[in-house]
Amino acid sequence: MTGVQTCALPILEEAELVLCDMSCLNPNVFFELGIRTSLNKPVCIVKDEHTKKIPFDTGILNYHEYKSTRSEERRVGKECRTRWSPYH
């Protein structure tokens, strides 16, 4: 494996929570989401207000929407960590 797989796999396997921002429809993010969900570990999916639809069936997936400003991005990240933390 090279590139994203080599760097991301250990993080995806070991992280307490992974935040997947689907806003840019980046194929690497979809790949990483697939790996993380196959491991059956917590994922928080977010998208900005400009992304109207994520191109796969999200009917069973919850996501958070945010306005694309730095302060709002930080707020959503904090909210996801709080909601998904096992210590919450």
N, C-alpha and C. Protein backbone atom coordinates (compact mmCIF):
# COMPACT_ATOMS: atom_id res chain seq x y z
N MET A 1 0.83 -1.19 0.00
CA MET A 1 0.00 0.00 0.00
C MET A 1 0.87 1.25 0.00
N THR A 2 0.38 2.27 -0.61
CA THR A 2 1.11 3.53 -0.64
C THR A 2 0.16 4.69 -0.38
N GLY A 3 0.73 5.86 -0.21
CA GLY A 3 -0.06 7.08 -0.09
C GLY A 3 -0.99 7.10 1.09
N VAL A 4 -2.25 7.40 0.80
CA VAL A 4 -3.26 7.57 1.85
C VAL A 4 -3.38 6.31 2.71
N GLN A 5 -3.37 5.15 2.06
CA GLN A 5 -3.55 3.91 2.82
C GLN A 5 -2.46 3.73 3.86
N THR A 6 -1.22 3.96 3.49
CA THR A 6 -0.10 3.76 4.41
C THR A 6 -0.18 4.73 5.59
N CYS A 7 -0.46 5.98 5.32
CA CYS A 7 -0.50 6.99 6.37
C CYS A 7 -1.77 6.89 7.21
N ALA A 8 -2.89 6.67 6.57
CA ALA A 8 -4.17 6.77 7.26
C ALA A 8 -4.59 5.51 8.00
N LEU A 9 -4.18 4.35 7.53
CA LEU A 9 -4.68 3.11 8.12
C LEU A 9 -4.45 3.00 9.62
N PRO A 10 -3.25 3.21 10.12
CA PRO A 10 -3.07 3.11 11.58
C PRO A 10 -3.94 4.11 12.35
N ILE A 11 -4.10 5.29 11.82
CA ILE A 11 -4.94 6.31 12.48
C ILE A 11 -6.39 5.87 12.45
N LEU A 12 -6.85 5.39 11.31
CA LEU A 12 -8.24 4.94 11.19
C LEU A 12 -8.54 3.76 12.10
N GLU A 13 -7.56 2.91 12.31
CA GLU A 13 -7.74 1.75 13.18
C GLU A 13 -7.74 2.11 14.66
N GLU A 14 -6.94 3.09 15.04
CA GLU A 14 -6.70 3.35 16.46
C GLU A 14 -7.45 4.55 17.04
N ALA A 15 -7.91 5.46 16.20
CA ALA A 15 -8.55 6.68 16.70
C ALA A 15 -9.84 6.37 17.45
N GLU A 16 -10.06 7.13 18.50
CA GLU A 16 -11.29 7.00 19.29
C GLU A 16 -12.50 7.40 18.45
N LEU A 17 -12.34 8.44 17.63
CA LEU A 17 -13.40 8.96 16.78
C LEU A 17 -12.76 9.54 15.53
N VAL A 18 -13.40 9.34 14.39
CA VAL A 18 -12.93 9.94 13.14
C VAL A 18 -14.00 10.89 12.64
N LEU A 19 -13.59 12.10 12.31
CA LEU A 19 -14.47 13.13 11.76
C LEU A 19 -14.29 13.13 10.25
N CYS A 20 -15.33 12.82 9.50
CA CYS A 20 -15.28 12.80 8.04
C CYS A 20 -16.05 13.98 7.50
N ASP A 21 -15.33 14.91 6.89
CA ASP A 21 -15.97 16.08 6.28
C ASP A 21 -16.19 15.77 4.81
N MET A 22 -17.44 15.59 4.43
CA MET A 22 -17.81 15.20 3.08
C MET A 22 -18.01 16.40 2.15
N SER A 23 -17.73 17.59 2.62
CA SER A 23 -18.04 18.81 1.87
C SER A 23 -17.41 18.89 0.49
N CYS A 24 -16.18 18.49 0.36
CA CYS A 24 -15.50 18.61 -0.93
C CYS A 24 -15.68 17.38 -1.81
N LEU A 25 -16.42 16.39 -1.32
CA LEU A 25 -16.64 15.15 -2.05
C LEU A 25 -15.32 14.51 -2.48
N ASN A 26 -14.36 14.55 -1.56
CA ASN A 26 -13.02 14.02 -1.79
C ASN A 26 -13.05 12.49 -1.76
N PRO A 27 -12.61 11.82 -2.84
CA PRO A 27 -12.61 10.35 -2.86
C PRO A 27 -11.84 9.73 -1.70
N ASN A 28 -10.78 10.35 -1.24
CA ASN A 28 -10.02 9.81 -0.11
C ASN A 28 -10.88 9.77 1.15
N VAL A 29 -11.72 10.77 1.35
CA VAL A 29 -12.59 10.80 2.52
C VAL A 29 -13.60 9.65 2.45
N PHE A 30 -14.14 9.40 1.27
CA PHE A 30 -15.07 8.28 1.10
C PHE A 30 -14.38 6.95 1.39
N PHE A 31 -13.14 6.82 0.90
CA PHE A 31 -12.35 5.62 1.14
C PHE A 31 -12.11 5.43 2.65
N GLU A 32 -11.71 6.49 3.31
CA GLU A 32 -11.44 6.43 4.75
C GLU A 32 -12.72 6.14 5.54
N LEU A 33 -13.85 6.71 5.12
CA LEU A 33 -15.13 6.43 5.77
C LEU A 33 -15.47 4.95 5.62
N GLY A 34 -15.23 4.39 4.43
CA GLY A 34 -15.49 2.98 4.21
C GLY A 34 -14.65 2.09 5.10
N ILE A 35 -13.38 2.43 5.24
CA ILE A 35 -12.50 1.65 6.12
C ILE A 35 -13.00 1.74 7.56
N ARG A 36 -13.26 2.94 8.00
CA ARG A 36 -13.66 3.14 9.39
C ARG A 36 -14.97 2.43 9.71
N THR A 37 -15.94 2.52 8.81
CA THR A 37 -17.21 1.84 9.07
C THR A 37 -17.05 0.32 9.01
N SER A 38 -16.15 -0.17 8.17
CA SER A 38 -15.92 -1.62 8.13
C SER A 38 -15.30 -2.12 9.43
N LEU A 39 -14.60 -1.23 10.14
CA LEU A 39 -14.02 -1.58 11.44
C LEU A 39 -15.06 -1.46 12.56
N ASN A 40 -16.24 -0.96 12.21
CA ASN A 40 -17.33 -0.78 13.17
C ASN A 40 -16.91 0.12 14.35
N LYS A 41 -16.26 1.23 13.99
CA LYS A 41 -15.81 2.19 15.00
C LYS A 41 -16.51 3.53 14.77
N PRO A 42 -16.59 4.37 15.80
CA PRO A 42 -17.34 5.63 15.70
C PRO A 42 -16.81 6.59 14.63
N VAL A 43 -17.76 7.14 13.88
CA VAL A 43 -17.49 8.13 12.84
C VAL A 43 -18.50 9.25 13.00
N CYS A 44 -18.04 10.47 12.87
CA CYS A 44 -18.92 11.63 12.85
C CYS A 44 -18.80 12.23 11.45
N ILE A 45 -19.92 12.28 10.73
CA ILE A 45 -19.93 12.79 9.36
C ILE A 45 -20.46 14.21 9.38
N VAL A 46 -19.73 15.10 8.73
CA VAL A 46 -20.15 16.50 8.63
C VAL A 46 -20.10 16.94 7.18
N LYS A 47 -20.85 18.00 6.87
CA LYS A 47 -20.79 18.63 5.56
C LYS A 47 -21.14 20.10 5.72
N ASP A 48 -20.65 20.92 4.81
CA ASP A 48 -20.98 22.34 4.89
C ASP A 48 -22.31 22.62 4.22
N GLU A 49 -22.79 23.85 4.38
CA GLU A 49 -24.11 24.20 3.86
C GLU A 49 -24.14 24.26 2.34
N HIS A 50 -22.99 24.30 1.68
CA HIS A 50 -22.94 24.35 0.22
C HIS A 50 -23.08 22.96 -0.42
N THR A 51 -22.84 21.93 0.34
CA THR A 51 -22.93 20.56 -0.17
C THR A 51 -24.36 20.09 0.01
N LYS A 52 -25.08 20.04 -1.09
CA LYS A 52 -26.50 19.71 -1.01
C LYS A 52 -26.75 18.23 -0.75
N LYS A 53 -25.96 17.39 -1.38
CA LYS A 53 -26.20 15.95 -1.24
C LYS A 53 -24.87 15.21 -1.30
N ILE A 54 -24.74 14.24 -0.43
CA ILE A 54 -23.58 13.35 -0.47
C ILE A 54 -23.96 12.19 -1.39
N PRO A 55 -23.12 11.86 -2.37
CA PRO A 55 -23.54 10.93 -3.42
C PRO A 55 -23.54 9.44 -3.05
N PHE A 56 -24.17 9.09 -1.97
CA PHE A 56 -24.48 7.71 -1.67
C PHE A 56 -25.62 7.70 -0.68
N ASP A 57 -26.19 6.56 -0.42
CA ASP A 57 -27.36 6.48 0.45
C ASP A 57 -27.00 6.88 1.88
N THR A 58 -27.45 8.04 2.29
CA THR A 58 -27.17 8.51 3.65
C THR A 58 -28.39 8.37 4.55
N GLY A 59 -29.39 7.67 4.10
CA GLY A 59 -30.61 7.53 4.88
C GLY A 59 -30.38 6.95 6.26
N ILE A 60 -29.40 6.08 6.38
CA ILE A 60 -29.13 5.46 7.68
C ILE A 60 -27.99 6.14 8.43
N LEU A 61 -27.35 7.12 7.79
CA LEU A 61 -26.23 7.81 8.41
C LEU A 61 -26.64 9.19 8.89
N ASN A 62 -26.25 9.52 10.11
CA ASN A 62 -26.49 10.86 10.64
C ASN A 62 -25.30 11.73 10.30
N TYR A 63 -25.54 12.98 9.99
CA TYR A 63 -24.46 13.92 9.75
C TYR A 63 -24.82 15.27 10.33
N HIS A 64 -23.80 16.06 10.56
CA HIS A 64 -23.98 17.41 11.07
C HIS A 64 -23.64 18.38 9.94
N GLU A 65 -24.45 19.42 9.82
CA GLU A 65 -24.17 20.43 8.82
C GLU A 65 -23.62 21.67 9.51
N TYR A 66 -22.68 22.32 8.85
CA TYR A 66 -22.08 23.52 9.42
C TYR A 66 -21.94 24.60 8.35
N LYS A 67 -21.85 25.84 8.81
CA LYS A 67 -21.55 26.96 7.92
C LYS A 67 -20.04 26.98 7.74
N SER A 68 -19.60 27.27 6.54
CA SER A 68 -18.17 27.16 6.26
C SER A 68 -17.39 28.39 6.74
N THR A 69 -17.27 28.49 8.07
CA THR A 69 -16.41 29.48 8.70
C THR A 69 -15.54 28.73 9.69
N ARG A 70 -14.37 29.25 10.00
CA ARG A 70 -13.45 28.57 10.92
C ARG A 70 -14.08 28.35 12.30
N SER A 71 -14.77 29.35 12.81
CA SER A 71 -15.35 29.20 14.15
C SER A 71 -16.44 28.13 14.15
N GLU A 72 -17.21 28.07 13.09
CA GLU A 72 -18.26 27.05 12.99
C GLU A 72 -17.65 25.66 12.83
N GLU A 73 -16.57 25.55 12.08
CA GLU A 73 -15.89 24.26 11.93
C GLU A 73 -15.39 23.77 13.29
N ARG A 74 -14.82 24.66 14.08
CA ARG A 74 -14.35 24.27 15.41
C ARG A 74 -15.52 23.86 16.31
N ARG A 75 -16.63 24.59 16.22
CA ARG A 75 -17.80 24.28 17.03
C ARG A 75 -18.33 22.88 16.70
N VAL A 76 -18.43 22.55 15.42
CA VAL A 76 -18.94 21.24 15.01
C VAL A 76 -17.99 20.14 15.46
N GLY A 77 -16.69 20.37 15.32
CA GLY A 77 -15.71 19.39 15.79
C GLY A 77 -15.86 19.12 17.27
N LYS A 78 -16.02 20.18 18.05
CA LYS A 78 -16.20 20.03 19.50
C LYS A 78 -17.50 19.30 19.81
N GLU A 79 -18.56 19.65 19.11
CA GLU A 79 -19.86 18.98 19.32
C GLU A 79 -19.76 17.48 19.02
N CYS A 80 -19.08 17.13 17.95
CA CYS A 80 -18.92 15.71 17.60
C CYS A 80 -18.10 14.98 18.65
N ARG A 81 -17.02 15.59 19.11
CA ARG A 81 -16.21 14.94 20.14
C ARG A 81 -17.01 14.73 21.41
N THR A 82 -17.80 15.74 21.80
CA THR A 82 -18.61 15.64 23.01
C THR A 82 -19.68 14.57 22.87
N ARG A 83 -20.34 14.56 21.74
CA ARG A 83 -21.43 13.60 21.55
C ARG A 83 -20.94 12.17 21.45
N TRP A 84 -19.78 11.96 20.84
CA TRP A 84 -19.30 10.61 20.59
C TRP A 84 -18.29 10.11 21.60
N SER A 85 -17.87 10.97 22.50
CA SER A 85 -16.86 10.56 23.50
C SER A 85 -17.44 9.49 24.42
N PRO A 86 -16.67 8.42 24.66
CA PRO A 86 -17.16 7.39 25.57
C PRO A 86 -17.23 7.88 27.02
N TYR A 87 -16.60 9.02 27.29
CA TYR A 87 -16.58 9.56 28.65
C TYR A 87 -17.68 10.57 28.88
N HIS A 88 -18.49 10.83 27.88
CA HIS A 88 -19.56 11.83 27.95
C HIS A 88 -20.72 11.31 28.76
